[in-house]
C-alpha atoms as a PDB file:
ATOM      1  CA  MET A   1      14.022 -26.974  26.517  1.00  0.00           C
ATOM      2  CA  GLY A   2      10.080 -27.450  26.783  1.00  0.00           C
ATOM      3  CA  ASN A   3       8.043 -29.480  24.990  1.00  0.00           C
ATOM      4  CA  LYS A   4      10.417 -32.208  22.893  1.00  0.00           C
ATOM      5  CA  THR A   5       7.991 -33.907  20.597  1.00  0.00           C
ATOM      6  CA  VAL A   6       8.766 -35.501  17.169  1.00  0.00           C
ATOM      7  CA  SER A   7       7.303 -35.980  13.908  1.00  0.00           C
ATOM      8  CA  LEU A   8       9.885 -38.437  12.458  1.00  0.00           C
ATOM      9  CA  VAL A   9      10.559 -38.952   8.678  1.00  0.00           C
ATOM     10  CA  LEU A  10      12.643 -41.851   7.712  1.00  0.00           C
ATOM     11  CA  SER A  11      13.662 -41.839   4.280  1.00  0.00           C
ATOM     12  CA  SER A  12      15.098 -44.951   1.786  1.00  0.00           C
ATOM     13  CA  GLY A  13      18.160 -46.562   1.660  1.00  0.00           C
ATOM     14  CA  GLY A  14      18.439 -50.191   1.843  1.00  0.00           C
ATOM     15  CA  ALA A  15      20.856 -51.597   4.770  1.00  0.00           C
ATOM     16  CA  ARG A  16      21.686 -48.001   5.583  1.00  0.00           C
ATOM     17  CA  GLY A  17      18.216 -48.115   7.131  1.00  0.00           C
ATOM     18  CA  MET A  18      19.852 -49.561  10.124  1.00  0.00           C
ATOM     19  CA  ALA A  19      21.049 -46.219  11.133  1.00  0.00           C
ATOM     20  CA  GLN A  20      17.769 -44.910  11.776  1.00  0.00           C
ATOM     21  CA  ILE A  21      17.413 -47.507  14.614  1.00  0.00           C
ATOM     22  CA  GLY A  22      20.451 -45.960  16.392  1.00  0.00           C
ATOM     23  CA  ALA A  23      19.141 -42.287  15.672  1.00  0.00           C
ATOM     24  CA  ILE A  24      15.755 -43.290  17.196  1.00  0.00           C
ATOM     25  CA  GLU A  25      17.540 -44.077  20.503  1.00  0.00           C
ATOM     26  CA  ALA A  26      19.315 -41.056  20.664  1.00  0.00           C
ATOM     27  CA  LEU A  27      16.403 -38.961  20.503  1.00  0.00           C
ATOM     28  CA  GLU A  28      14.729 -41.239  23.132  1.00  0.00           C
ATOM     29  CA  GLU A  29      17.608 -41.105  25.206  1.00  0.00           C
ATOM     30  CA  SER A  30      17.877 -37.434  24.704  1.00  0.00           C
ATOM     31  CA  GLY A  31      14.262 -36.787  25.556  1.00  0.00           C
ATOM     32  CA  TYR A  32      12.352 -36.837  22.535  1.00  0.00           C
ATOM     33  CA  THR A  33       8.923 -38.131  22.285  1.00  0.00           C
ATOM     34  CA  ILE A  34       7.950 -39.574  18.845  1.00  0.00           C
ATOM     35  CA  VAL A  35       4.609 -39.067  18.121  1.00  0.00           C
ATOM     36  CA  SER A  36       4.380 -39.575  14.411  1.00  0.00           C
ATOM     37  CA  ILE A  37       6.264 -41.388  11.803  1.00  0.00           C
ATOM     38  CA  ALA A  38       6.508 -40.781   7.822  1.00  0.00           C
ATOM     39  CA  GLY A  39       8.319 -43.604   6.172  1.00  0.00           C
ATOM     40  CA  SER A  40       9.565 -44.531   2.550  1.00  0.00           C
ATOM     41  CA  SER A  41      11.037 -47.836   2.010  1.00  0.00           C
ATOM     42  CA  ILE A  42      13.328 -49.314   4.615  1.00  0.00           C
ATOM     43  CA  GLY A  43      12.285 -46.221   6.800  1.00  0.00           C
ATOM     44  CA  ALA A  44       8.603 -47.878   6.377  1.00  0.00           C
ATOM     45  CA  LEU A  45      10.038 -50.973   7.787  1.00  0.00           C
ATOM     46  CA  ILE A  46      12.056 -49.154  10.489  1.00  0.00           C
ATOM     47  CA  GLY A  47       9.406 -46.749  10.982  1.00  0.00           C
ATOM     48  CA  GLY A  48       6.479 -49.530  11.361  1.00  0.00           C
ATOM     49  CA  VAL A  49       8.692 -51.583  13.701  1.00  0.00           C
ATOM     50  CA  TYR A  50       9.080 -48.940  16.011  1.00  0.00           C
ATOM     51  CA  ALA A  51       5.517 -48.025  16.080  1.00  0.00           C
ATOM     52  CA  THR A  52       4.728 -51.382  17.067  1.00  0.00           C
ATOM     53  CA  GLY A  53       6.809 -51.150  19.961  1.00  0.00           C
ATOM     54  CA  LYS A  54       8.981 -53.984  19.170  1.00  0.00           C
ATOM     55  CA  LEU A  55      12.619 -51.821  17.739  1.00  0.00           C
ATOM     56  CA  PRO A  56      14.526 -53.581  20.513  1.00  0.00           C
ATOM     57  CA  GLU A  57      13.599 -57.091  19.405  1.00  0.00           C
ATOM     58  CA  PHE A  58      14.078 -56.402  15.679  1.00  0.00           C
ATOM     59  CA  LYS A  59      17.345 -54.986  17.060  1.00  0.00           C
ATOM     60  CA  GLU A  60      18.653 -57.940  18.427  1.00  0.00           C
ATOM     61  CA  TRP A  61      17.730 -60.048  15.739  1.00  0.00           C
ATOM     62  CA  ILE A  62      19.519 -58.180  12.394  1.00  0.00           C
ATOM     63  CA  CYS A  63      22.250 -57.560  14.946  1.00  0.00           C
ATOM     64  CA  ASN A  64      22.824 -61.197  15.019  1.00  0.00           C
ATOM     65  CA  LEU A  65      22.519 -61.734  11.145  1.00  0.00           C
ATOM     66  CA  ASP A  66      25.763 -62.570   9.346  1.00  0.00           C
ATOM     67  CA  LYS A  67      26.341 -62.803   5.570  1.00  0.00           C
ATOM     68  CA  ILE A  68      25.718 -66.499   5.730  1.00  0.00           C
ATOM     69  CA  ASP A  69      22.177 -65.460   7.275  1.00  0.00           C
ATOM     70  CA  VAL A  70      21.283 -62.391   5.083  1.00  0.00           C
ATOM     71  CA  PHE A  71      21.855 -65.032   1.845  1.00  0.00           C
ATOM     72  CA  SER A  72      19.685 -67.741   3.708  1.00  0.00           C
ATOM     73  CA  LEU A  73      16.957 -65.047   3.849  1.00  0.00           C
ATOM     74  CA  MET A  74      16.834 -64.420   0.579  1.00  0.00           C
ATOM     75  CA  ASP A  75      14.073 -66.942  -1.649  1.00  0.00           C
ATOM     76  CA  PHE A  76      15.639 -66.279  -5.242  1.00  0.00           C
ATOM     77  CA  THR A  77      13.534 -66.268  -7.883  1.00  0.00           C
ATOM     78  CA  LEU A  78      13.990 -66.179 -11.600  1.00  0.00           C
ATOM     79  CA  SER A  79      11.364 -63.358 -12.266  1.00  0.00           C
ATOM     80  CA  ARG A  80      12.520 -60.554 -14.347  1.00  0.00           C
ATOM     81  CA  ASN A  81      10.881 -58.452 -12.313  1.00  0.00           C
ATOM     82  CA  GLY A  82      13.122 -58.914  -9.222  1.00  0.00           C
ATOM     83  CA  PHE A  83      15.473 -61.677  -7.913  1.00  0.00           C
ATOM     84  CA  ILE A  84      14.210 -61.888  -4.265  1.00  0.00           C
ATOM     85  CA  LYS A  85      10.680 -62.579  -3.659  1.00  0.00           C
ATOM     86  CA  GLY A  86      10.581 -61.352  -0.589  1.00  0.00           C
ATOM     87  CA  ASP A  87       8.541 -63.813   1.110  1.00  0.00           C
ATOM     88  CA  ARG A  88      10.881 -65.496   3.620  1.00  0.00           C
ATOM     89  CA  VAL A  89      12.740 -62.288   5.185  1.00  0.00           C
ATOM     90  CA  PHE A  90       9.259 -60.691   6.012  1.00  0.00           C
ATOM     91  CA  ASN A  91       8.087 -64.250   7.125  1.00  0.00           C
ATOM     92  CA  ALA A  92      11.101 -64.058   9.917  1.00  0.00           C
ATOM     93  CA  ILE A  93      10.370 -60.408  10.622  1.00  0.00           C
ATOM     94  CA  GLN A  94       6.607 -61.271  11.483  1.00  0.00           C
ATOM     95  CA  ASN A  95       7.930 -63.905  14.204  1.00  0.00           C
ATOM     96  CA  ILE A  96       9.333 -60.996  16.115  1.00  0.00           C
ATOM     97  CA  VAL A  97       7.180 -58.042  15.194  1.00  0.00           C
ATOM     98  CA  PRO A  98       3.297 -59.712  14.657  1.00  0.00           C
ATOM     99  CA  ASP A  99       1.709 -58.014  11.942  1.00  0.00           C
ATOM    100  CA  CYS A 100      -1.468 -55.632  12.726  1.00  0.00           C
ATOM    101  CA  GLN A 101      -3.394 -53.010  11.416  1.00  0.00           C
ATOM    102  CA  ILE A 102      -1.818 -49.618  11.022  1.00  0.00           C
ATOM    103  CA  GLU A 103      -4.969 -47.618  12.053  1.00  0.00           C
ATOM    104  CA  ASP A 104      -4.310 -49.777  15.851  1.00  0.00           C
ATOM    105  CA  LEU A 105      -0.839 -48.390  16.010  1.00  0.00           C
ATOM    106  CA  LYS A 106       0.226 -46.304  19.277  1.00  0.00           C
ATOM    107  CA  ILE A 107       1.817 -44.140  17.145  1.00  0.00           C
ATOM    108  CA  PRO A 108       0.328 -42.396  13.968  1.00  0.00           C
ATOM    109  CA  PHE A 109       2.380 -44.164  10.818  1.00  0.00           C
ATOM    110  CA  ARG A 110       2.351 -43.500   7.103  1.00  0.00           C
ATOM    111  CA  CYS A 111       4.466 -44.915   4.272  1.00  0.00           C
ATOM    112  CA  THR A 112       4.577 -44.804   0.836  1.00  0.00           C
ATOM    113  CA  ALA A 113       5.220 -46.863  -2.264  1.00  0.00           C
ATOM    114  CA  VAL A 114       4.427 -46.237  -6.079  1.00  0.00           C
ATOM    115  CA  GLU A 115       1.325 -48.316  -8.022  1.00  0.00           C
ATOM    116  CA  ILE A 116       2.577 -49.807 -11.214  1.00  0.00           C
ATOM    117  CA  PRO A 117       2.270 -49.507 -14.374  1.00  0.00           C
ATOM    118  CA  PHE A 118       0.405 -45.969 -13.600  1.00  0.00           C
ATOM    119  CA  GLY A 119       3.529 -44.594 -11.486  1.00  0.00           C
ATOM    120  CA  LYS A 120       0.769 -43.224  -9.123  1.00  0.00           C
ATOM    121  CA  GLU A 121       1.876 -42.451  -4.967  1.00  0.00           C
ATOM    122  CA  LYS A 122       0.040 -44.559  -2.890  1.00  0.00           C
ATOM    123  CA  ILE A 123      -0.094 -43.494   0.961  1.00  0.00           C
ATOM    124  CA  PHE A 124      -0.918 -46.119   3.362  1.00  0.00           C
ATOM    125  CA  THR A 125      -2.895 -45.034   6.550  1.00  0.00           C
ATOM    126  CA  LYS A 126      -4.729 -48.173   7.270  1.00  0.00           C
ATOM    127  CA  GLY A 127      -4.858 -52.278   6.686  1.00  0.00           C
ATOM    128  CA  SER A 128      -2.035 -54.553   7.089  1.00  0.00           C
ATOM    129  CA  LEU A 129       1.098 -53.092   8.399  1.00  0.00           C
ATOM    130  CA  TYR A 130       3.212 -55.603   6.485  1.00  0.00           C
ATOM    131  CA  SER A 131       1.603 -55.407   3.275  1.00  0.00           C
ATOM    132  CA  ALA A 132       2.014 -51.568   3.520  1.00  0.00           C
ATOM    133  CA  ILE A 133       5.844 -51.909   4.136  1.00  0.00           C
ATOM    134  CA  ARG A 134       6.242 -54.649   1.697  1.00  0.00           C
ATOM    135  CA  ALA A 135       4.694 -52.510  -0.785  1.00  0.00           C
ATOM    136  CA  SER A 136       6.952 -49.280   0.318  1.00  0.00           C
ATOM    137  CA  VAL A 137      10.492 -51.833   0.322  1.00  0.00           C
ATOM    138  CA  SER A 138       9.951 -53.185  -3.476  1.00  0.00           C
ATOM    139  CA  ILE A 139      13.577 -51.828  -5.117  1.00  0.00           C
ATOM    140  CA  PRO A 140      12.997 -52.262  -8.766  1.00  0.00           C
ATOM    141  CA  THR A 141      15.189 -55.173  -9.987  1.00  0.00           C
ATOM    142  CA  VAL A 142      15.621 -56.440  -6.521  1.00  0.00           C
ATOM    143  CA  LEU A 143      12.366 -57.726  -4.906  1.00  0.00           C
ATOM    144  CA  THR A 144       9.490 -58.395  -6.922  1.00  0.00           C
ATOM    145  CA  PRO A 145       6.551 -55.897  -6.521  1.00  0.00           C
ATOM    146  CA  ALA A 146       4.409 -56.580  -4.073  1.00  0.00           C
ATOM    147  CA  GLN A 147       0.578 -57.383  -4.423  1.00  0.00           C
ATOM    148  CA  VAL A 148      -2.069 -55.528  -2.175  1.00  0.00           C
ATOM    149  CA  LYS A 149      -5.801 -55.759  -2.861  1.00  0.00           C
ATOM    150  CA  GLY A 150      -5.261 -56.795  -6.445  1.00  0.00           C
ATOM    151  CA  LYS A 151      -2.957 -53.940  -7.327  1.00  0.00           C
ATOM    152  CA  PHE A 152       1.066 -53.699  -7.472  1.00  0.00           C
ATOM    153  CA  TYR A 153       3.660 -51.681  -6.129  1.00  0.00           C
ATOM    154  CA  ILE A 154       7.002 -50.946  -5.923  1.00  0.00           C
ATOM    155  CA  ASP A 155       9.308 -49.168  -3.990  1.00  0.00           C
ATOM    156  CA  GLY A 156       8.175 -45.308  -2.403  1.00  0.00           C
ATOM    157  CA  GLY A 157      11.584 -44.153  -2.799  1.00  0.00           C
ATOM    158  CA  ILE A 158      10.898 -43.905  -6.500  1.00  0.00           C
ATOM    159  CA  LEU A 159       8.689 -40.637  -6.106  1.00  0.00           C
ATOM    160  CA  ASN A 160       9.320 -39.789  -2.299  1.00  0.00           C
ATOM    161  CA  PRO A 161      12.788 -40.809  -0.999  1.00  0.00           C
ATOM    162  CA  ILE A 162      12.199 -38.615   2.516  1.00  0.00           C
ATOM    163  CA  PRO A 163       8.019 -38.490   2.654  1.00  0.00           C
ATOM    164  CA  PHE A 164       7.913 -35.122   4.429  1.00  0.00           C
ATOM    165  CA  SER A 165       4.326 -34.860   2.494  1.00  0.00           C
ATOM    166  CA  LEU A 166       2.924 -37.744   4.710  1.00  0.00           C
ATOM    167  CA  LEU A 167       3.238 -35.839   7.881  1.00  0.00           C
ATOM    168  CA  SER A 168      -0.181 -35.240   9.382  1.00  0.00           C
ATOM    169  CA  LYS A 169      -1.499 -32.309  10.894  1.00  0.00           C
ATOM    170  CA  LYS A 170      -3.909 -33.690  13.479  1.00  0.00           C
ATOM    171  CA  THR A 171      -0.571 -35.447  15.069  1.00  0.00           C
ATOM    172  CA  LYS A 172       2.391 -33.336  13.945  1.00  0.00           C
ATOM    173  CA  GLY A 173       4.801 -32.566  16.876  1.00  0.00           C
ATOM    174  CA  GLU A 174       6.418 -29.232  17.635  1.00  0.00           C
ATOM    175  CA  LEU A 175       9.541 -30.784  15.965  1.00  0.00           C
ATOM    176  CA  VAL A 176      10.233 -31.999  12.314  1.00  0.00           C
ATOM    177  CA  VAL A 177      13.267 -34.895  12.459  1.00  0.00           C
ATOM    178  CA  ALA A 178      14.122 -36.117   9.157  1.00  0.00           C
ATOM    179  CA  ILE A 179      16.677 -39.262   8.553  1.00  0.00           C
ATOM    180  CA  ASP A 180      18.408 -38.923   5.230  1.00  0.00           C
ATOM    181  CA  LEU A 181      20.170 -42.371   4.425  1.00  0.00           C
ATOM    182  CA  ASN A 182      21.339 -40.716   1.001  1.00  0.00           C
ATOM    183  CA  GLY A 183      23.493 -38.191   1.945  1.00  0.00           C
ATOM    184  CA  PRO A 184      26.624 -36.925   0.058  1.00  0.00           C
ATOM    185  CA  ARG A 185      30.242 -38.384   0.502  1.00  0.00           C
ATOM    186  CA  GLU A 186      30.983 -35.725   2.935  1.00  0.00           C
ATOM    187  CA  ALA A 187      28.816 -37.215   5.535  1.00  0.00           C
ATOM    188  CA  PHE A 188      30.389 -40.578   5.740  1.00  0.00           C
ATOM    189  CA  VAL A 189      31.842 -42.014   8.666  1.00  0.00           C
ATOM    190  CA  ASN A 190      35.038 -44.216   8.857  1.00  0.00           C
ATOM    191  CA  PRO A 191      33.660 -47.296  11.258  1.00  0.00           C
ATOM    192  CA  GLU A 192      35.624 -48.249  14.236  1.00  0.00           C
ATOM    193  CA  LYS A 193      36.260 -51.528  12.290  1.00  0.00           C
ATOM    194  CA  PRO A 194      36.848 -51.094   8.512  1.00  0.00           C
ATOM    195  CA  VAL A 195      34.487 -53.711   6.554  1.00  0.00           C
ATOM    196  CA  LYS A 196      35.690 -55.138   3.538  1.00  0.00           C
ATOM    197  CA  THR A 197      32.917 -54.134   0.609  1.00  0.00           C
ATOM    198  CA  ASP A 198      32.569 -55.562  -2.913  1.00  0.00           C
ATOM    199  CA  GLU A 199      35.381 -55.982  -5.427  1.00  0.00           C
ATOM    200  CA  GLY A 200      36.515 -52.304  -5.917  1.00  0.00           C
ATOM    201  CA  GLY A 201      35.131 -50.539  -3.083  1.00  0.00           C
ATOM    202  CA  HIS A 202      31.932 -49.773  -4.970  1.00  0.00           C
ATOM    203  CA  LEU A 203      29.134 -49.806  -2.581  1.00  0.00           C
ATOM    204  CA  LEU A 204      26.432 -49.607  -5.244  1.00  0.00           C
ATOM    205  CA  LYS A 205      26.253 -52.799  -6.675  1.00  0.00           C
ATOM    206  CA  LEU A 206      25.135 -55.661  -5.808  1.00  0.00           C
ATOM    207  CA  PRO A 207      26.855 -58.069  -3.227  1.00  0.00           C
ATOM    208  CA  ILE A 208      29.279 -60.580  -5.007  1.00  0.00           C
ATOM    209  CA  TRP A 209      27.007 -63.303  -3.572  1.00  0.00           C
ATOM    210  CA  ALA A 210      24.122 -62.176  -5.074  1.00  0.00           C
ATOM    211  CA  ALA A 211      25.956 -61.353  -8.622  1.00  0.00           C
ATOM    212  CA  ASP A 212      27.312 -64.583  -8.697  1.00  0.00           C
ATOM    213  CA  TYR A 213      23.657 -66.353  -7.782  1.00  0.00           C
ATOM    214  CA  ARG A 214      21.972 -63.805 -11.052  1.00  0.00           C
ATOM    215  CA  ASP A 215      24.818 -64.426 -13.386  1.00  0.00           C
ATOM    216  CA  LYS A 216      24.631 -68.714 -12.890  1.00  0.00           C
ATOM    217  CA  PHE A 217      20.851 -68.665 -13.741  1.00  0.00           C
ATOM    218  CA  SER A 218      21.152 -65.814 -16.546  1.00  0.00           C
ATOM    219  CA  LYS A 219      21.575 -68.293 -19.281  1.00  0.00           C
ATOM    220  CA  TYR A 220      18.130 -69.315 -18.445  1.00  0.00           C
ATOM    221  CA  ILE A 221      16.867 -66.199 -19.054  1.00  0.00           C
ATOM    222  CA  SER A 222      15.848 -64.782 -22.464  1.00  0.00           C
ATOM    223  CA  SER A 223      16.588 -60.972 -22.655  1.00  0.00           C
ATOM    224  CA  ASP A 224      17.607 -58.196 -25.478  1.00  0.00           C
ATOM    225  CA  GLU A 225      19.760 -56.427 -22.817  1.00  0.00           C
ATOM    226  CA  LYS A 226      22.823 -58.530 -23.667  1.00  0.00           C
ATOM    227  CA  LYS A 227      22.625 -57.069 -26.877  1.00  0.00           C
ATOM    228  CA  VAL A 228      23.260 -53.476 -25.558  1.00  0.00           C
ATOM    229  CA  GLU A 229      26.885 -53.177 -24.438  1.00  0.00           C
ATOM    230  CA  GLN A 230      27.236 -51.771 -20.769  1.00  0.00           C
ATOM    231  CA  PRO A 231      29.999 -50.264 -19.022  1.00  0.00           C
ATOM    232  CA  LYS A 232      32.639 -52.455 -17.769  1.00  0.00           C
ATOM    233  CA  GLN A 233      32.027 -54.325 -14.330  1.00  0.00           C
ATOM    234  CA  MET A 234      28.478 -53.099 -14.247  1.00  0.00           C
ATOM    235  CA  GLY A 235      25.692 -55.919 -15.500  1.00  0.00           C
ATOM    236  CA  SER A 236      22.090 -54.770 -16.333  1.00  0.00           C
ATOM    237  CA  ILE A 237      20.825 -54.974 -12.877  1.00  0.00           C
ATOM    238  CA  GLU A 238      23.887 -53.374 -11.553  1.00  0.00           C
ATOM    239  CA  LEU A 239      23.501 -50.262 -14.405  1.00  0.00           C
ATOM    240  CA  LEU A 240      19.746 -50.145 -13.113  1.00  0.00           C
ATOM    241  CA  ASN A 241      20.187 -50.160  -9.217  1.00  0.00           C
ATOM    242  CA  HIS A 242      22.933 -47.514 -10.037  1.00  0.00           C
ATOM    243  CA  SER A 243      20.885 -45.255 -12.202  1.00  0.00           C
ATOM    244  CA  PHE A 244      18.107 -45.652  -9.737  1.00  0.00           C
ATOM    245  CA  ASP A 245      20.375 -44.514  -7.022  1.00  0.00           C
ATOM    246  CA  LEU A 246      21.623 -41.524  -8.953  1.00  0.00           C
ATOM    247  CA  LEU A 247      18.279 -39.892  -8.976  1.00  0.00           C
ATOM    248  CA  GLN A 248      17.191 -40.766  -5.969  1.00  0.00           C
ATOM    249  CA  ASP A 249      20.061 -38.469  -4.410  1.00  0.00           C
ATOM    250  CA  LYS A 250      19.076 -35.759  -6.677  1.00  0.00           C
ATOM    251  CA  LEU A 251      15.776 -36.236  -5.635  1.00  0.00           C
ATOM    252  CA  SER A 252      16.340 -36.504  -2.094  1.00  0.00           C
ATOM    253  CA  ALA A 253      18.490 -33.246  -2.257  1.00  0.00           C
ATOM    254  CA  PHE A 254      15.776 -31.543  -3.631  1.00  0.00           C
ATOM    255  CA  VAL A 255      13.160 -32.570  -0.822  1.00  0.00           C
ATOM    256  CA  ILE A 256      15.862 -31.380   1.826  1.00  0.00           C
ATOM    257  CA  LYS A 257      15.635 -28.091   0.386  1.00  0.00           C
ATOM    258  CA  LYS A 258      11.998 -27.567  -0.284  1.00  0.00           C
ATOM    259  CA  HIS A 259      11.420 -28.655   3.100  1.00  0.00           C
ATOM    260  CA  LYS A 260      11.994 -26.989   6.752  1.00  0.00           C
ATOM    261  CA  MET A 261      12.702 -29.205   9.490  1.00  0.00           C
ATOM    262  CA  ASP A 262      14.378 -28.474  12.928  1.00  0.00           C
ATOM    263  CA  MET A 263      16.920 -31.641  12.788  1.00  0.00           C
ATOM    264  CA  LEU A 264      18.327 -33.424   9.950  1.00  0.00           C
ATOM    265  CA  ILE A 265      20.504 -36.257  10.386  1.00  0.00           C
ATOM    266  CA  GLU A 266      22.460 -37.298   7.644  1.00  0.00           C
ATOM    267  CA  ILE A 267      23.706 -41.069   6.784  1.00  0.00           C
ATOM    268  CA  SER A 268      26.009 -41.179   3.695  1.00  0.00           C
ATOM    269  CA  ARG A 269      25.156 -43.056   0.117  1.00  0.00           C
ATOM    270  CA  MET A 270      28.929 -44.497   0.804  1.00  0.00           C
ATOM    271  CA  GLN A 271      28.249 -45.746   4.311  1.00  0.00           C
ATOM    272  CA  ALA A 272      26.887 -49.120   3.231  1.00  0.00           C
ATOM    273  CA  GLY A 273      25.328 -51.220   0.224  1.00  0.00           C
ATOM    274  CA  THR A 274      21.816 -51.522  -0.191  1.00  0.00           C
ATOM    275  CA  LEU A 275      21.820 -55.232   0.655  1.00  0.00           C
ATOM    276  CA  GLU A 276      24.720 -54.877   3.344  1.00  0.00           C
ATOM    277  CA  PHE A 277      22.173 -56.102   6.366  1.00  0.00           C
ATOM    278  CA  TYR A 278      24.971 -58.026   8.009  1.00  0.00           C
ATOM    279  CA  ARG A 279      26.745 -54.591   8.887  1.00  0.00           C
ATOM    280  CA  ALA A 280      23.828 -53.673  11.520  1.00  0.00           C
ATOM    281  CA  SER A 281      25.473 -53.128  14.174  1.00  0.00           C
ATOM    282  CA  GLU A 282      28.030 -50.948  12.917  1.00  0.00           C
ATOM    283  CA  LEU A 283      25.596 -48.612  11.181  1.00  0.00           C
ATOM    284  CA  ILE A 284      23.401 -48.475  14.167  1.00  0.00           C
ATOM    285  CA  LYS A 285      26.219 -47.237  16.210  1.00  0.00           C
ATOM    286  CA  ILE A 286      26.695 -44.521  13.359  1.00  0.00           C
ATOM    287  CA  GLY A 287      23.575 -43.223  13.281  1.00  0.00           C
ATOM    288  CA  ARG A 288      23.398 -43.120  16.852  1.00  0.00           C
ATOM    289  CA  SER A 289      26.286 -40.834  16.685  1.00  0.00           C
ATOM    290  CA  LYS A 290      24.958 -38.778  14.293  1.00  0.00           C
ATOM    291  CA  ALA A 291      21.720 -38.135  15.943  1.00  0.00           C
ATOM    292  CA  LEU A 292      23.780 -37.439  19.272  1.00  0.00           C
ATOM    293  CA  THR A 293      25.698 -34.829  16.946  1.00  0.00           C
ATOM    294  CA  ALA A 294      22.287 -33.223  15.578  1.00  0.00           C
ATOM    295  CA  ILE A 295      20.595 -33.207  18.778  1.00  0.00           C
ATOM    296  CA  GLU A 296      23.772 -31.487  20.092  1.00  0.00           C
ATOM    297  CA  LYS A 297      24.002 -28.709  17.770  1.00  0.00           C
ATOM    298  CA  PHE A 298      19.877 -28.058  17.937  1.00  0.00           C
ATOM    299  CA  GLU A 299      19.949 -27.403  21.401  1.00  0.00           C
ATOM    300  CA  ASN A 300      22.960 -25.261  21.541  1.00  0.00           C
ATOM    301  CA  GLY A 301      21.249 -23.341  18.863  1.00  0.00           C
ATOM    302  CA  ASN A 302      18.367 -22.923  20.899  1.00  0.00           C
ATOM    303  CA  GLN A 303      20.265 -22.093  23.677  1.00  0.00           C
ATOM    304  CA  GLN A 304      21.898 -19.056  22.024  1.00  0.00           C
ATOM    305  CA  ALA A 305      18.824 -17.827  20.681  1.00  0.00           C
END
């Protein structure tokens, strides 16, 4: 092939975003050069870290976290806006990947968030990288909304889960590669070593330890939600997250059909739960394998053409 420059689009999808690390590694090892990045939610985090050149250090850190480590990074709060503040985990990441200005990154980077209560999309193209990422990853009911310059933001995946619209024409590569973390069940890959999931195998639920923590403090929080009958085995937060996931899936599928791309790397939503970051090593391997398959298919298609 000739020029192999890539504009990379990284979707939302919680802990499944670790698969994006493996996919990026596969692209680089196959001779592709990433020249611009558009990210939403966890895609903003992975894309932003990659743009700083510190992805290997981040990978080493995240792959050494077990369940206890992940739990220790959760600074729980009784806020109704989310049960995790997020300061602790971002402070830990900044010890590995120092903050910088988006406009100073060697690779052009953009990410998206949603301003509340107006529901307006905010595209971050300059300013603090971590402020932008923190805004983009603010999953409703899980992470408290992020405050940036007096305005409040929640997860970019609500309006733009696969942000093709953020690609800059000035820095766009010859190829567009998208990594979708909200793929269909058919995209599921059996891990080399089966990992026990939450009770009933429901990957859309909160981890048991997080749900238990929330339940212990629920009696201190006055809420009218208890008056509404909920489906069995699904509390109010789980129901909200499940609804959010379903809407995100449909929106992701619509966006993919609408946009043209050279490669689509699909990671099934069933591959991991939103907060299962302790499965990073497994997910990175899956992302790498999926990317290599997509690259082979693309290159074979071009040779036949």
